[in-house]
C-alpha atoms as a PDB file:
ATOM      1  CA  UNK A   1      -6.502 -12.286 -19.533  1.00  0.00           C
ATOM      2  CA  UNK A   2      -4.160 -14.322 -17.332  1.00  0.00           C
ATOM      3  CA  UNK A   3      -1.107 -12.127 -16.590  1.00  0.00           C
ATOM      4  CA  UNK A   4       0.967 -15.189 -15.685  1.00  0.00           C
ATOM      5  CA  UNK A   5       0.433 -17.299 -18.804  1.00  0.00           C
ATOM      6  CA  UNK A   6       3.464 -15.856 -20.612  1.00  0.00           C
ATOM      7  CA  UNK A   7       5.671 -15.279 -17.535  1.00  0.00           C
ATOM      8  CA  UNK A   8       8.720 -17.312 -16.589  1.00  0.00           C
ATOM      9  CA  UNK A   9       9.143 -17.084 -12.836  1.00  0.00           C
ATOM     10  CA  UNK A  10      11.998 -17.856 -10.449  1.00  0.00           C
ATOM     11  CA  UNK A  11      11.311 -18.356  -6.730  1.00  0.00           C
ATOM     12  CA  UNK A  12      14.122 -18.195  -4.185  1.00  0.00           C
ATOM     13  CA  UNK A  13      13.608 -20.115  -0.936  1.00  0.00           C
ATOM     14  CA  UNK A  14      11.139 -22.403  -2.684  1.00  0.00           C
ATOM     15  CA  UNK A  15      11.182 -24.891   0.213  1.00  0.00           C
ATOM     16  CA  UNK A  16      10.149 -22.242   2.725  1.00  0.00           C
ATOM     17  CA  UNK A  17       6.650 -21.646   3.990  1.00  0.00           C
ATOM     18  CA  UNK A  18       5.902 -18.771   1.628  1.00  0.00           C
ATOM     19  CA  UNK A  19       8.091 -20.010  -1.233  1.00  0.00           C
ATOM     20  CA  UNK A  20       6.375 -23.397  -1.446  1.00  0.00           C
ATOM     21  CA  UNK A  21       2.940 -21.761  -1.441  1.00  0.00           C
ATOM     22  CA  UNK A  22       4.019 -19.309  -4.164  1.00  0.00           C
ATOM     23  CA  UNK A  23       5.056 -22.293  -6.254  1.00  0.00           C
ATOM     24  CA  UNK A  24       1.739 -24.057  -5.702  1.00  0.00           C
ATOM     25  CA  UNK A  25      -0.315 -20.991  -6.617  1.00  0.00           C
ATOM     26  CA  UNK A  26       1.774 -20.147  -9.690  1.00  0.00           C
ATOM     27  CA  UNK A  27       1.262 -23.672 -11.018  1.00  0.00           C
ATOM     28  CA  UNK A  28      -2.493 -23.239 -10.486  1.00  0.00           C
ATOM     29  CA  UNK A  29      -2.361 -19.825 -12.194  1.00  0.00           C
ATOM     30  CA  UNK A  30      -0.690 -21.366 -15.236  1.00  0.00           C
ATOM     31  CA  UNK A  31       2.673 -19.592 -15.245  1.00  0.00           C
ATOM     32  CA  UNK A  32       4.598 -20.402 -18.452  1.00  0.00           C
ATOM     33  CA  UNK A  33       7.509 -21.895 -16.516  1.00  0.00           C
ATOM     34  CA  UNK A  34       8.793 -21.876 -12.936  1.00  0.00           C
ATOM     35  CA  UNK A  35      12.230 -22.365 -11.445  1.00  0.00           C
ATOM     36  CA  UNK A  36      12.529 -22.969  -7.722  1.00  0.00           C
ATOM     37  CA  UNK A  37      15.858 -22.632  -5.932  1.00  0.00           C
ATOM     38  CA  UNK A  38      16.857 -23.404  -2.353  1.00  0.00           C
ATOM     39  CA  UNK A  39      19.989 -24.212  -0.358  1.00  0.00           C
ATOM     40  CA  UNK A  40      18.292 -26.962   1.680  1.00  0.00           C
ATOM     41  CA  UNK A  41      19.148 -30.146  -0.229  1.00  0.00           C
ATOM     42  CA  UNK A  42      16.857 -32.532   1.662  1.00  0.00           C
ATOM     43  CA  UNK A  43      13.798 -30.283   1.500  1.00  0.00           C
ATOM     44  CA  UNK A  44      14.475 -29.491  -2.144  1.00  0.00           C
ATOM     45  CA  UNK A  45      14.405 -33.202  -2.990  1.00  0.00           C
ATOM     46  CA  UNK A  46      10.978 -33.574  -1.352  1.00  0.00           C
ATOM     47  CA  UNK A  47       9.739 -30.401  -3.057  1.00  0.00           C
ATOM     48  CA  UNK A  48      10.508 -31.862  -6.484  1.00  0.00           C
ATOM     49  CA  UNK A  49       8.374 -34.970  -6.063  1.00  0.00           C
ATOM     50  CA  UNK A  50       4.883 -33.559  -6.791  1.00  0.00           C
ATOM     51  CA  UNK A  51       6.235 -31.893  -9.966  1.00  0.00           C
ATOM     52  CA  UNK A  52       8.577 -34.584 -11.312  1.00  0.00           C
ATOM     53  CA  UNK A  53       6.374 -35.083 -14.402  1.00  0.00           C
ATOM     54  CA  UNK A  54       5.883 -31.366 -15.048  1.00  0.00           C
ATOM     55  CA  UNK A  55       8.441 -30.121 -17.571  1.00  0.00           C
ATOM     56  CA  UNK A  56       7.531 -26.498 -16.824  1.00  0.00           C
ATOM     57  CA  UNK A  57       8.610 -26.698 -13.164  1.00  0.00           C
ATOM     58  CA  UNK A  58      12.287 -27.193 -12.367  1.00  0.00           C
ATOM     59  CA  UNK A  59      14.317 -27.091  -9.151  1.00  0.00           C
ATOM     60  CA  UNK A  60      17.951 -26.266  -8.499  1.00  0.00           C
ATOM     61  CA  UNK A  61      20.182 -26.408  -5.454  1.00  0.00           C
ATOM     62  CA  UNK A  62      21.582 -22.899  -5.181  1.00  0.00           C
ATOM     63  CA  UNK A  63      22.817 -20.522  -2.507  1.00  0.00           C
ATOM     64  CA  UNK A  64      21.577 -17.006  -3.251  1.00  0.00           C
ATOM     65  CA  UNK A  65      25.071 -15.578  -2.737  1.00  0.00           C
ATOM     66  CA  UNK A  66      26.361 -17.708  -5.651  1.00  0.00           C
ATOM     67  CA  UNK A  67      26.393 -15.065  -8.365  1.00  0.00           C
ATOM     68  CA  UNK A  68      27.643 -17.271 -11.212  1.00  0.00           C
ATOM     69  CA  UNK A  69      24.924 -19.882 -10.641  1.00  0.00           C
ATOM     70  CA  UNK A  70      22.254 -17.189 -10.330  1.00  0.00           C
ATOM     71  CA  UNK A  71      23.379 -15.723 -13.679  1.00  0.00           C
ATOM     72  CA  UNK A  72      22.795 -19.103 -15.310  1.00  0.00           C
ATOM     73  CA  UNK A  73      19.384 -19.585 -13.714  1.00  0.00           C
ATOM     74  CA  UNK A  74      18.168 -16.023 -14.391  1.00  0.00           C
ATOM     75  CA  UNK A  75      18.518 -16.447 -18.164  1.00  0.00           C
ATOM     76  CA  UNK A  76      15.083 -16.063 -19.714  1.00  0.00           C
ATOM     77  CA  UNK A  77      13.381 -15.252 -16.396  1.00  0.00           C
ATOM     78  CA  UNK A  78      10.713 -12.515 -16.359  1.00  0.00           C
ATOM     79  CA  UNK A  79       9.830 -12.319 -12.652  1.00  0.00           C
ATOM     80  CA  UNK A  80      11.855 -13.110  -9.518  1.00  0.00           C
ATOM     81  CA  UNK A  81      10.043 -13.714  -6.230  1.00  0.00           C
ATOM     82  CA  UNK A  82      12.677 -13.466  -3.519  1.00  0.00           C
ATOM     83  CA  UNK A  83      11.461 -15.430  -0.502  1.00  0.00           C
ATOM     84  CA  UNK A  84      14.753 -16.935   0.734  1.00  0.00           C
ATOM     85  CA  UNK A  85      15.733 -15.692   4.187  1.00  0.00           C
ATOM     86  CA  UNK A  86      17.083 -16.477   7.598  1.00  0.00           C
ATOM     87  CA  UNK A  87      14.043 -15.597   9.661  1.00  0.00           C
ATOM     88  CA  UNK A  88      14.244 -17.126  13.135  1.00  0.00           C
ATOM     89  CA  UNK A  89      14.901 -14.268  15.547  1.00  0.00           C
ATOM     90  CA  UNK A  90      16.941 -16.138  18.182  1.00  0.00           C
ATOM     91  CA  UNK A  91      19.011 -18.118  15.660  1.00  0.00           C
ATOM     92  CA  UNK A  92      19.847 -14.926  13.749  1.00  0.00           C
ATOM     93  CA  UNK A  93      20.820 -13.284  17.051  1.00  0.00           C
ATOM     94  CA  UNK A  94      23.192 -16.160  17.822  1.00  0.00           C
ATOM     95  CA  UNK A  95      24.547 -16.338  14.263  1.00  0.00           C
ATOM     96  CA  UNK A  96      24.347 -12.751  12.986  1.00  0.00           C
ATOM     97  CA  UNK A  97      26.845 -13.312  10.174  1.00  0.00           C
ATOM     98  CA  UNK A  98      24.454 -15.845   8.628  1.00  0.00           C
ATOM     99  CA  UNK A  99      21.598 -13.337   8.769  1.00  0.00           C
ATOM    100  CA  UNK A 100      23.816 -10.739   7.089  1.00  0.00           C
ATOM    101  CA  UNK A 101      25.067 -13.202   4.459  1.00  0.00           C
ATOM    102  CA  UNK A 102      21.616 -14.409   3.408  1.00  0.00           C
ATOM    103  CA  UNK A 103      19.272 -11.510   4.141  1.00  0.00           C
ATOM    104  CA  UNK A 104      21.559  -8.668   3.085  1.00  0.00           C
ATOM    105  CA  UNK A 105      24.384  -9.960   0.880  1.00  0.00           C
ATOM    106  CA  UNK A 106      22.071 -12.536  -0.709  1.00  0.00           C
ATOM    107  CA  UNK A 107      19.461  -9.889  -1.491  1.00  0.00           C
ATOM    108  CA  UNK A 108      22.083  -7.606  -3.028  1.00  0.00           C
ATOM    109  CA  UNK A 109      23.337 -10.525  -5.131  1.00  0.00           C
ATOM    110  CA  UNK A 110      19.792 -11.138  -6.403  1.00  0.00           C
ATOM    111  CA  UNK A 111      19.593  -7.431  -7.294  1.00  0.00           C
ATOM    112  CA  UNK A 112      22.968  -7.426  -9.072  1.00  0.00           C
ATOM    113  CA  UNK A 113      22.140 -10.447 -11.210  1.00  0.00           C
ATOM    114  CA  UNK A 114      18.649  -9.117 -12.034  1.00  0.00           C
ATOM    115  CA  UNK A 115      20.229  -5.869 -13.260  1.00  0.00           C
ATOM    116  CA  UNK A 116      22.525  -7.879 -15.543  1.00  0.00           C
ATOM    117  CA  UNK A 117      19.649  -9.959 -16.908  1.00  0.00           C
ATOM    118  CA  UNK A 118      16.422  -9.247 -18.784  1.00  0.00           C
ATOM    119  CA  UNK A 119      14.304  -9.659 -15.644  1.00  0.00           C
ATOM    120  CA  UNK A 120      11.170  -7.489 -15.602  1.00  0.00           C
ATOM    121  CA  UNK A 121      10.252  -7.488 -11.907  1.00  0.00           C
ATOM    122  CA  UNK A 122      11.784  -8.501  -8.573  1.00  0.00           C
ATOM    123  CA  UNK A 123       9.631  -8.722  -5.431  1.00  0.00           C
ATOM    124  CA  UNK A 124      11.247  -9.100  -2.003  1.00  0.00           C
ATOM    125  CA  UNK A 125       9.209 -10.672   0.803  1.00  0.00           C
ATOM    126  CA  UNK A 126       9.765  -8.772   4.042  1.00  0.00           C
ATOM    127  CA  UNK A 127       8.438  -8.885   7.596  1.00  0.00           C
ATOM    128  CA  UNK A 128       6.730  -6.713  10.178  1.00  0.00           C
ATOM    129  CA  UNK A 129       9.935  -7.164  12.190  1.00  0.00           C
ATOM    130  CA  UNK A 130      11.613  -4.806   9.701  1.00  0.00           C
ATOM    131  CA  UNK A 131       9.655  -1.900  11.248  1.00  0.00           C
ATOM    132  CA  UNK A 132      11.593  -0.256  14.097  1.00  0.00           C
ATOM    133  CA  UNK A 133      13.622  -3.480  14.472  1.00  0.00           C
ATOM    134  CA  UNK A 134      14.892  -4.646  17.850  1.00  0.00           C
ATOM    135  CA  UNK A 135      16.946  -7.609  16.613  1.00  0.00           C
ATOM    136  CA  UNK A 136      19.385  -8.748  13.944  1.00  0.00           C
ATOM    137  CA  UNK A 137      16.770 -10.548  11.879  1.00  0.00           C
ATOM    138  CA  UNK A 138      14.439  -7.536  11.698  1.00  0.00           C
ATOM    139  CA  UNK A 139      17.318  -5.195  10.934  1.00  0.00           C
ATOM    140  CA  UNK A 140      18.540  -7.445   8.126  1.00  0.00           C
ATOM    141  CA  UNK A 141      15.046  -7.551   6.595  1.00  0.00           C
ATOM    142  CA  UNK A 142      14.822  -3.756   6.811  1.00  0.00           C
ATOM    143  CA  UNK A 143      18.139  -3.555   4.982  1.00  0.00           C
ATOM    144  CA  UNK A 144      16.723  -5.878   2.333  1.00  0.00           C
ATOM    145  CA  UNK A 145      13.817  -3.475   1.795  1.00  0.00           C
ATOM    146  CA  UNK A 146      16.186  -0.526   1.563  1.00  0.00           C
ATOM    147  CA  UNK A 147      18.395  -2.336  -0.955  1.00  0.00           C
ATOM    148  CA  UNK A 148      15.390  -3.091  -3.166  1.00  0.00           C
ATOM    149  CA  UNK A 149      14.232   0.528  -3.089  1.00  0.00           C
ATOM    150  CA  UNK A 150      17.759   1.815  -3.768  1.00  0.00           C
ATOM    151  CA  UNK A 151      18.160  -0.628  -6.666  1.00  0.00           C
ATOM    152  CA  UNK A 152      15.056   0.776  -8.301  1.00  0.00           C
ATOM    153  CA  UNK A 153      16.424   4.313  -7.981  1.00  0.00           C
ATOM    154  CA  UNK A 154      19.839   3.495  -9.429  1.00  0.00           C
ATOM    155  CA  UNK A 155      18.892   1.307 -12.420  1.00  0.00           C
ATOM    156  CA  UNK A 156      19.597   2.679 -15.891  1.00  0.00           C
ATOM    157  CA  UNK A 157      16.476   1.652 -17.829  1.00  0.00           C
ATOM    158  CA  UNK A 158      12.797   0.955 -17.210  1.00  0.00           C
ATOM    159  CA  UNK A 159      13.426  -2.570 -15.931  1.00  0.00           C
ATOM    160  CA  UNK A 160      13.774  -4.405 -13.641  1.00  0.00           C
ATOM    161  CA  UNK A 161      11.093  -3.020 -11.338  1.00  0.00           C
ATOM    162  CA  UNK A 162      12.139  -3.666  -7.729  1.00  0.00           C
ATOM    163  CA  UNK A 163       9.649  -3.614  -4.843  1.00  0.00           C
ATOM    164  CA  UNK A 164       8.979  -5.260  -1.479  1.00  0.00           C
ATOM    165  CA  UNK A 165       5.957  -6.703   0.266  1.00  0.00           C
ATOM    166  CA  UNK A 166       5.782  -6.681   4.057  1.00  0.00           C
ATOM    167  CA  UNK A 167       3.484  -8.848   6.144  1.00  0.00           C
ATOM    168  CA  UNK A 168       3.165 -10.195   9.661  1.00  0.00           C
ATOM    169  CA  UNK A 169       3.058 -13.653  11.217  1.00  0.00           C
ATOM    170  CA  UNK A 170       2.125 -16.492   8.875  1.00  0.00           C
ATOM    171  CA  UNK A 171      -0.056 -18.786  10.958  1.00  0.00           C
ATOM    172  CA  UNK A 172       0.429 -22.486  10.335  1.00  0.00           C
ATOM    173  CA  UNK A 173       4.087 -22.256   9.339  1.00  0.00           C
ATOM    174  CA  UNK A 174       6.646 -24.308  11.233  1.00  0.00           C
ATOM    175  CA  UNK A 175       7.943 -21.090  12.743  1.00  0.00           C
ATOM    176  CA  UNK A 176       4.577 -19.975  14.115  1.00  0.00           C
ATOM    177  CA  UNK A 177       3.341 -20.408  17.671  1.00  0.00           C
ATOM    178  CA  UNK A 178       0.523 -22.773  16.663  1.00  0.00           C
ATOM    179  CA  UNK A 179       2.675 -25.950  16.545  1.00  0.00           C
ATOM    180  CA  UNK A 180       4.092 -25.113  19.991  1.00  0.00           C
ATOM    181  CA  UNK A 181       0.682 -24.478  21.572  1.00  0.00           C
ATOM    182  CA  UNK A 182      -0.738 -27.622  19.983  1.00  0.00           C
ATOM    183  CA  UNK A 183       2.070 -29.796  21.341  1.00  0.00           C
ATOM    184  CA  UNK A 184       1.705 -28.306  24.832  1.00  0.00           C
ATOM    185  CA  UNK A 185      -2.067 -28.879  24.853  1.00  0.00           C
ATOM    186  CA  UNK A 186      -1.770 -32.457  23.620  1.00  0.00           C
ATOM    187  CA  UNK A 187       1.039 -33.491  25.942  1.00  0.00           C
ATOM    188  CA  UNK A 188       0.471 -31.583  29.179  1.00  0.00           C
ATOM    189  CA  UNK A 189      -1.756 -29.359  31.239  1.00  0.00           C
ATOM    190  CA  UNK A 190      -0.064 -25.984  30.692  1.00  0.00           C
ATOM    191  CA  UNK A 191       0.319 -23.581  27.765  1.00  0.00           C
ATOM    192  CA  UNK A 192       3.148 -21.075  28.171  1.00  0.00           C
ATOM    193  CA  UNK A 193       2.418 -17.468  27.240  1.00  0.00           C
ATOM    194  CA  UNK A 194       5.010 -14.712  27.335  1.00  0.00           C
ATOM    195  CA  UNK A 195       2.622 -11.829  28.107  1.00  0.00           C
ATOM    196  CA  UNK A 196      -1.173 -11.507  28.326  1.00  0.00           C
ATOM    197  CA  UNK A 197      -1.122  -8.188  26.473  1.00  0.00           C
ATOM    198  CA  UNK A 198       0.764  -9.422  23.423  1.00  0.00           C
ATOM    199  CA  UNK A 199      -0.905  -8.852  20.032  1.00  0.00           C
ATOM    200  CA  UNK A 200       0.121  -9.832  16.512  1.00  0.00           C
ATOM    201  CA  UNK A 201      -0.812  -9.329  12.866  1.00  0.00           C
ATOM    202  CA  UNK A 202      -1.607 -12.692  11.317  1.00  0.00           C
ATOM    203  CA  UNK A 203      -2.462 -14.277   7.997  1.00  0.00           C
ATOM    204  CA  UNK A 204      -2.606 -17.728   6.482  1.00  0.00           C
ATOM    205  CA  UNK A 205       0.047 -19.149   4.170  1.00  0.00           C
ATOM    206  CA  UNK A 206      -2.384 -19.003   1.256  1.00  0.00           C
ATOM    207  CA  UNK A 207      -3.275 -15.366   1.959  1.00  0.00           C
ATOM    208  CA  UNK A 208       0.368 -14.312   2.203  1.00  0.00           C
ATOM    209  CA  UNK A 209       1.245 -15.848  -1.174  1.00  0.00           C
ATOM    210  CA  UNK A 210      -1.822 -14.372  -2.889  1.00  0.00           C
ATOM    211  CA  UNK A 211      -0.893 -10.891  -1.712  1.00  0.00           C
ATOM    212  CA  UNK A 212       2.721 -11.296  -2.864  1.00  0.00           C
ATOM    213  CA  UNK A 213       1.478 -12.316  -6.316  1.00  0.00           C
ATOM    214  CA  UNK A 214      -0.984  -9.407  -6.460  1.00  0.00           C
ATOM    215  CA  UNK A 215       1.759  -6.928  -5.598  1.00  0.00           C
ATOM    216  CA  UNK A 216       3.883  -8.061  -8.551  1.00  0.00           C
ATOM    217  CA  UNK A 217       1.821  -6.215 -11.151  1.00  0.00           C
ATOM    218  CA  UNK A 218       0.872  -3.291  -8.887  1.00  0.00           C
ATOM    219  CA  UNK A 219       4.481  -2.214  -8.374  1.00  0.00           C
ATOM    220  CA  UNK A 220       5.882   0.811 -10.159  1.00  0.00           C
ATOM    221  CA  UNK A 221       9.214   0.476  -8.385  1.00  0.00           C
ATOM    222  CA  UNK A 222      10.683   1.189  -4.966  1.00  0.00           C
ATOM    223  CA  UNK A 223       7.470   0.708  -2.977  1.00  0.00           C
ATOM    224  CA  UNK A 224       6.978  -1.424   0.095  1.00  0.00           C
ATOM    225  CA  UNK A 225       3.522  -2.973  -0.078  1.00  0.00           C
ATOM    226  CA  UNK A 226       2.075  -3.577   3.376  1.00  0.00           C
ATOM    227  CA  UNK A 227      -0.684  -6.149   3.473  1.00  0.00           C
ATOM    228  CA  UNK A 228      -3.790  -5.449   5.536  1.00  0.00           C
ATOM    229  CA  UNK A 229      -4.104  -8.231   8.068  1.00  0.00           C
ATOM    230  CA  UNK A 230      -6.367  -9.416  10.876  1.00  0.00           C
ATOM    231  CA  UNK A 231      -5.082  -8.978  14.428  1.00  0.00           C
ATOM    232  CA  UNK A 232      -5.166 -11.425  17.298  1.00  0.00           C
ATOM    233  CA  UNK A 233      -4.384 -11.332  20.993  1.00  0.00           C
ATOM    234  CA  UNK A 234      -1.964 -14.193  21.733  1.00  0.00           C
ATOM    235  CA  UNK A 235      -3.915 -14.966  24.908  1.00  0.00           C
ATOM    236  CA  UNK A 236      -7.053 -15.429  22.795  1.00  0.00           C
ATOM    237  CA  UNK A 237      -5.142 -17.722  20.414  1.00  0.00           C
ATOM    238  CA  UNK A 238      -4.132 -19.945  23.337  1.00  0.00           C
ATOM    239  CA  UNK A 239      -7.692 -20.083  24.677  1.00  0.00           C
ATOM    240  CA  UNK A 240      -9.187 -20.729  21.247  1.00  0.00           C
ATOM    241  CA  UNK A 241      -6.753 -23.572  20.597  1.00  0.00           C
ATOM    242  CA  UNK A 242      -7.425 -25.105  24.022  1.00  0.00           C
ATOM    243  CA  UNK A 243     -11.168 -25.139  23.298  1.00  0.00           C
ATOM    244  CA  UNK A 244     -10.807 -26.549  19.779  1.00  0.00           C
ATOM    245  CA  UNK A 245      -8.235 -29.242  20.598  1.00  0.00           C
ATOM    246  CA  UNK A 246      -9.952 -30.380  23.795  1.00  0.00           C
ATOM    247  CA  UNK A 247     -13.213 -30.820  21.924  1.00  0.00           C
ATOM    248  CA  UNK A 248     -11.724 -32.574  18.879  1.00  0.00           C
ATOM    249  CA  UNK A 249      -9.341 -34.872  20.748  1.00  0.00           C
ATOM    250  CA  UNK A 250     -11.661 -35.541  23.713  1.00  0.00           C
ATOM    251  CA  UNK A 251      -9.250 -34.116  26.286  1.00  0.00           C
ATOM    252  CA  UNK A 252     -11.001 -33.763  29.636  1.00  0.00           C
ATOM    253  CA  UNK A 253      -8.215 -32.463  31.870  1.00  0.00           C
ATOM    254  CA  UNK A 254      -7.899 -28.747  32.610  1.00  0.00           C
ATOM    255  CA  UNK A 255      -5.376 -26.821  30.529  1.00  0.00           C
ATOM    256  CA  UNK A 256      -3.851 -23.828  32.305  1.00  0.00           C
ATOM    257  CA  UNK A 257      -2.093 -20.803  30.855  1.00  0.00           C
ATOM    258  CA  UNK A 258       1.217 -19.890  32.484  1.00  0.00           C
ATOM    259  CA  UNK A 259       2.740 -16.435  31.974  1.00  0.00           C
ATOM    260  CA  UNK A 260       6.528 -16.779  31.573  1.00  0.00           C
ATOM    261  CA  UNK A 261       7.462 -13.205  30.594  1.00  0.00           C
ATOM    262  CA  UNK A 262       8.483 -11.693  27.288  1.00  0.00           C
ATOM    263  CA  UNK A 263      11.768 -12.773  25.729  1.00  0.00           C
ATOM    264  CA  UNK A 264      14.604 -10.304  25.365  1.00  0.00           C
ATOM    265  CA  UNK A 265      13.947  -8.008  22.401  1.00  0.00           C
ATOM    266  CA  UNK A 266      10.372  -9.251  21.956  1.00  0.00           C
ATOM    267  CA  UNK A 267       7.718  -6.589  21.386  1.00  0.00           C
ATOM    268  CA  UNK A 268       4.260  -6.715  22.959  1.00  0.00           C
ATOM    269  CA  UNK A 269       2.844  -5.477  19.655  1.00  0.00           C
ATOM    270  CA  UNK A 270       3.906  -5.557  16.033  1.00  0.00           C
ATOM    271  CA  UNK A 271       4.115  -2.667  13.595  1.00  0.00           C
ATOM    272  CA  UNK A 272       3.573  -2.716   9.841  1.00  0.00           C
ATOM    273  CA  UNK A 273       3.811   1.039   9.233  1.00  0.00           C
ATOM    274  CA  UNK A 274       5.703   3.378  11.543  1.00  0.00           C
ATOM    275  CA  UNK A 275       5.284   7.089  12.235  1.00  0.00           C
ATOM    276  CA  UNK A 276       7.858   8.238   9.699  1.00  0.00           C
ATOM    277  CA  UNK A 277       6.356   6.128   6.919  1.00  0.00           C
ATOM    278  CA  UNK A 278       2.760   7.373   7.200  1.00  0.00           C
ATOM    279  CA  UNK A 279       3.744  10.673   5.567  1.00  0.00           C
ATOM    280  CA  UNK A 280       4.538   8.796   2.337  1.00  0.00           C
ATOM    281  CA  UNK A 281       1.971   6.004   2.477  1.00  0.00           C
ATOM    282  CA  UNK A 282      -1.238   5.582   0.510  1.00  0.00           C
ATOM    283  CA  UNK A 283      -4.030   3.076   1.079  1.00  0.00           C
ATOM    284  CA  UNK A 284      -5.121   0.920  -1.876  1.00  0.00           C
ATOM    285  CA  UNK A 285      -7.588  -1.977  -1.608  1.00  0.00           C
ATOM    286  CA  UNK A 286      -5.897  -4.795   0.374  1.00  0.00           C
ATOM    287  CA  UNK A 287      -2.614  -2.911   0.748  1.00  0.00           C
ATOM    288  CA  UNK A 288      -0.900   0.149   2.020  1.00  0.00           C
ATOM    289  CA  UNK A 289       1.860   1.306  -0.329  1.00  0.00           C
ATOM    290  CA  UNK A 290       4.840   2.959   1.366  1.00  0.00           C
ATOM    291  CA  UNK A 291       6.444   5.127  -1.295  1.00  0.00           C
ATOM    292  CA  UNK A 292      10.203   5.733  -1.439  1.00  0.00           C
ATOM    293  CA  UNK A 293      11.618   8.255   1.016  1.00  0.00           C
ATOM    294  CA  UNK A 294      13.853   9.747  -1.673  1.00  0.00           C
ATOM    295  CA  UNK A 295      11.294  10.191  -4.430  1.00  0.00           C
ATOM    296  CA  UNK A 296      13.347  13.055  -5.855  1.00  0.00           C
ATOM    297  CA  UNK A 297      15.893  10.584  -7.256  1.00  0.00           C
ATOM    298  CA  UNK A 298      13.174   8.673  -9.144  1.00  0.00           C
ATOM    299  CA  UNK A 299      12.593   9.751 -12.710  1.00  0.00           C
ATOM    300  CA  UNK A 300       9.193   9.668 -14.408  1.00  0.00           C
ATOM    301  CA  UNK A 301       7.477   7.376 -11.902  1.00  0.00           C
ATOM    302  CA  UNK A 302       3.860   8.243 -11.248  1.00  0.00           C
ATOM    303  CA  UNK A 303       2.557   6.189  -8.348  1.00  0.00           C
ATOM    304  CA  UNK A 304      -0.973   5.432  -9.512  1.00  0.00           C
ATOM    305  CA  UNK A 305      -2.123   1.879  -9.024  1.00  0.00           C
ATOM    306  CA  UNK A 306      -4.157   0.611 -11.985  1.00  0.00           C
ATOM    307  CA  UNK A 307      -6.918   3.137 -11.468  1.00  0.00           C
ATOM    308  CA  UNK A 308      -7.494   2.001  -7.884  1.00  0.00           C
ATOM    309  CA  UNK A 309      -8.561   4.778  -5.516  1.00  0.00           C
ATOM    310  CA  UNK A 310      -5.736   5.971  -3.273  1.00  0.00           C
ATOM    311  CA  UNK A 311      -6.359   7.332   0.194  1.00  0.00           C
ATOM    312  CA  UNK A 312      -3.905   9.146   2.453  1.00  0.00           C
ATOM    313  CA  UNK A 313      -2.884   7.412   5.684  1.00  0.00           C
ATOM    314  CA  UNK A 314      -3.058   9.358   8.938  1.00  0.00           C
ATOM    315  CA  UNK A 315      -1.976   6.868  11.612  1.00  0.00           C
ATOM    316  CA  UNK A 316       0.572   4.163  12.204  1.00  0.00           C
ATOM    317  CA  UNK A 317      -0.481   0.584  11.563  1.00  0.00           C
ATOM    318  CA  UNK A 318       0.200  -1.233  14.838  1.00  0.00           C
ATOM    319  CA  UNK A 319      -1.386  -4.375  16.251  1.00  0.00           C
ATOM    320  CA  UNK A 320      -2.272  -2.869  19.637  1.00  0.00           C
ATOM    321  CA  UNK A 321      -4.022   0.134  18.063  1.00  0.00           C
ATOM    322  CA  UNK A 322      -6.358  -1.791  15.759  1.00  0.00           C
ATOM    323  CA  UNK A 323      -9.387  -3.956  16.663  1.00  0.00           C
ATOM    324  CA  UNK A 324      -8.581  -7.645  17.076  1.00  0.00           C
ATOM    325  CA  UNK A 325     -10.697 -10.717  16.397  1.00  0.00           C
ATOM    326  CA  UNK A 326     -12.818 -11.837  19.329  1.00  0.00           C
ATOM    327  CA  UNK A 327     -12.608 -15.407  20.617  1.00  0.00           C
ATOM    328  CA  UNK A 328     -15.448 -16.772  18.474  1.00  0.00           C
ATOM    329  CA  UNK A 329     -14.131 -15.068  15.332  1.00  0.00           C
ATOM    330  CA  UNK A 330     -10.682 -16.469  16.028  1.00  0.00           C
ATOM    331  CA  UNK A 331     -12.006 -20.023  16.492  1.00  0.00           C
ATOM    332  CA  UNK A 332     -13.844 -19.768  13.176  1.00  0.00           C
ATOM    333  CA  UNK A 333     -10.702 -18.413  11.480  1.00  0.00           C
ATOM    334  CA  UNK A 334      -8.560 -21.275  12.827  1.00  0.00           C
ATOM    335  CA  UNK A 335     -11.071 -23.959  11.852  1.00  0.00           C
ATOM    336  CA  UNK A 336     -12.006 -22.615   8.420  1.00  0.00           C
ATOM    337  CA  UNK A 337      -8.360 -22.228   7.442  1.00  0.00           C
ATOM    338  CA  UNK A 338      -7.385 -25.642   8.883  1.00  0.00           C
ATOM    339  CA  UNK A 339      -4.599 -24.024  10.845  1.00  0.00           C
ATOM    340  CA  UNK A 340      -4.441 -26.442  13.758  1.00  0.00           C
ATOM    341  CA  UNK A 341      -4.564 -29.800  12.014  1.00  0.00           C
ATOM    342  CA  UNK A 342      -2.973 -29.154   8.601  1.00  0.00           C
ATOM    343  CA  UNK A 343       0.155 -27.195   9.455  1.00  0.00           C
ATOM    344  CA  UNK A 344       2.371 -30.312   9.362  1.00  0.00           C
ATOM    345  CA  UNK A 345       2.004 -30.407   5.586  1.00  0.00           C
ATOM    346  CA  UNK A 346       4.079 -27.228   5.143  1.00  0.00           C
ATOM    347  CA  UNK A 347       7.851 -27.408   4.919  1.00  0.00           C
ATOM    348  CA  UNK A 348      10.342 -24.737   5.808  1.00  0.00           C
ATOM    349  CA  UNK A 349      13.666 -23.910   4.229  1.00  0.00           C
ATOM    350  CA  UNK A 350      15.896 -21.119   3.024  1.00  0.00           C
END
């Protein structure tokens, strides 16, 4: 049975990398109806074009802090996928009030309106930067997770179910390093790398959306679902891209790698589960589920996940402590997922 066939879904940040892919996959899955909202007028116009003859897909210009407009749009909605965010680290650092307004106040507004409506489930898309954050953006995403968990504890009835899903770098998005490396390789003879020892969790846009959608029906409420992800060394990514692009575009000049030093606040590794969280984390299939810290305030929630075997977690989930793809594996991953030559097709928004 298709769990989406009778669900009316609203996606915030529908013009963003993850939001647009969620829309695409929900259409393919046959959701009963879909509403996409975004505050980026130009991108929203372009997003409407492929669906202009589909009466079950509708788009609205809406800021997620606009409570009255959200009330109107939430009428009849079963599931909210909250993907709208300010997510560029440096821009959030320079404009922290915008990060607070969208990532914190906006998330709380989504929660408030969902509690007033007949919404069944709300899933917040978070980031590895929410773990032990070193910047405004990461801190604001951590606060978003905490607000979702707190909302699930304080609600009066069974619904809505609030939960979060946390994943790492989405390769191929406009905000990823791939467009930068590609441009440098095509136009010059040097690729700039901040540190040779830098490692990252990665996944494709399609993978990230699939895992968000899977988490919707796993959630009991208050969890943070952490997606299991492959790991790459950024140095290997640069070398793999140099090899692939030189071969495809018949570039015969040497391409060097220049180390420029890590940016302020930039970690050499990324974390998806920290030391405090492992005590309340279980492993299930493609996820880790971080259970609420204050389980005592939750009533009658038994965290069993559809009969899936649960395993305790004994170590933190950090990119420098897990095996990474080797160079050949990484080349295959980039080519098979069309990450170097198809990324231009994805739009970004908030």
